[in-house]
Each structure stands twice: as structure tokens, then as C-alpha cells.
Amino acid sequence: MELRVQLKVCEGCGSLWYRSQNQKSVYCKGCEVRLREFPAPATRKQRGRRPANGPVFRIMAVAEEAGGAL
């Protein structure tokens, strides 16, 4: 029987641990248990200014194409 593993550094506590190649976790088992208690992170909001061709400009363009002028 053969099992392929990777030596990883836990991103939570910094300890070294082995994980199988098909596993995608970045935390050791101890940190995974501790972090399950926390809520899932919200999606990231885009920062910065909105592009100039935002929804307002699209609505005005559609209105002009339909024959209405603002």
C-alpha cells in the first residue's frame, strides 16, 4: 500500500503536519476544530470607485435608444 503525503505548515498555529495529496486543508486537525466555531467569512466587497459605465449610465443609454431623452 502506498500513501502520498505532503509536509505542510499550519497557517493557524505554525506546526508541521502531514496531509494527503488530495486534501486541500491549510490547517492542522487541532486548528480545524477550533476554527469550526467561527462563522464563515463574508464575501469580499470590491473597494475603490465604481467604473464610469455603471448602472445609471446604462439606464440612460437604454432610454435614449427607446426614444426617450432625459
Protein backbone atom coordinates (compact mmCIF):
# COMPACT_ATOMS: atom_id res chain seq x y z
CA MET A 1 0.00 0.00 0.00
CA GLU A 2 1.28 3.44 -0.89
CA LEU A 3 0.13 6.78 0.53
CA ARG A 4 1.46 10.07 -0.81
CA VAL A 5 1.62 12.91 1.68
CA GLN A 6 2.87 16.48 1.79
CA LEU A 7 4.66 18.13 4.69
CA LYS A 8 2.76 21.33 5.47
CA VAL A 9 2.99 24.23 7.92
CA CYS A 10 -0.33 25.01 9.61
CA GLU A 11 -1.48 28.57 8.81
CA GLY A 12 -3.16 28.76 12.20
CA CYS A 13 -0.50 27.69 14.71
CA GLY A 14 2.64 27.16 12.61
CA SER A 15 3.11 23.48 13.45
CA LEU A 16 4.33 20.94 10.91
CA TRP A 17 1.90 18.22 9.83
CA TYR A 18 1.35 15.75 7.02
CA ARG A 19 -1.64 15.84 4.69
CA SER A 20 -2.58 13.52 1.86
CA GLN A 21 -2.04 14.93 -1.62
CA ASN A 22 -5.75 15.10 -2.44
CA GLN A 23 -6.59 17.09 0.72
CA LYS A 24 -6.81 20.89 0.38
CA SER A 25 -6.85 21.97 4.03
CA VAL A 26 -4.31 24.56 5.21
CA TYR A 27 -4.89 23.96 8.93
CA CYS A 28 -3.87 21.07 11.19
CA LYS A 29 -6.63 18.98 12.81
CA GLY A 30 -6.42 20.95 16.08
CA CYS A 31 -6.86 24.32 14.35
CA GLU A 32 -9.66 22.98 12.12
CA VAL A 33 -11.64 22.01 15.22
CA ARG A 34 -11.06 25.43 16.82
CA LEU A 35 -11.90 27.37 13.65
CA ARG A 36 -15.18 25.50 13.04
CA GLU A 37 -16.67 27.54 15.88
CA PHE A 38 -16.17 30.78 13.95
CA PRO A 39 -18.73 31.90 11.34
CA ALA A 40 -17.84 31.58 7.68
CA PRO A 41 -16.26 34.75 6.26
CA ALA A 42 -18.50 37.05 4.24
CA THR A 43 -17.75 37.62 0.60
CA ARG A 44 -15.22 40.32 -0.05
CA LYS A 45 -16.54 43.67 -1.18
CA GLN A 46 -14.88 45.41 -4.07
CA ARG A 47 -13.09 48.51 -2.94
CA GLY A 48 -12.46 51.68 -4.83
CA ARG A 49 -14.53 53.78 -7.14
CA ARG A 50 -17.24 52.43 -9.39
CA PRO A 51 -16.46 52.38 -13.09
CA ALA A 52 -17.86 55.28 -15.15
CA ASN A 53 -20.18 52.96 -17.10
CA GLY A 54 -22.17 51.93 -14.03
CA PRO A 55 -25.92 51.13 -13.92
CA VAL A 56 -27.06 54.78 -14.13
CA PHE A 57 -25.35 55.30 -17.47
CA ARG A 58 -26.73 52.04 -18.86
CA ILE A 59 -30.29 53.06 -17.96
CA MET A 60 -29.81 56.42 -19.68
CA ALA A 61 -28.43 54.72 -22.81
CA VAL A 62 -31.40 52.32 -22.96
CA ALA A 63 -33.83 55.23 -22.51
CA GLU A 64 -32.19 57.14 -25.37
CA GLU A 65 -32.35 54.09 -27.65
CA ALA A 66 -36.06 53.73 -26.91
CA GLY A 67 -36.71 57.31 -27.93
CA GLY A 68 -36.92 58.93 -24.54
CA ALA A 69 -34.50 61.64 -23.62
CA LEU A 70 -33.60 62.57 -20.08
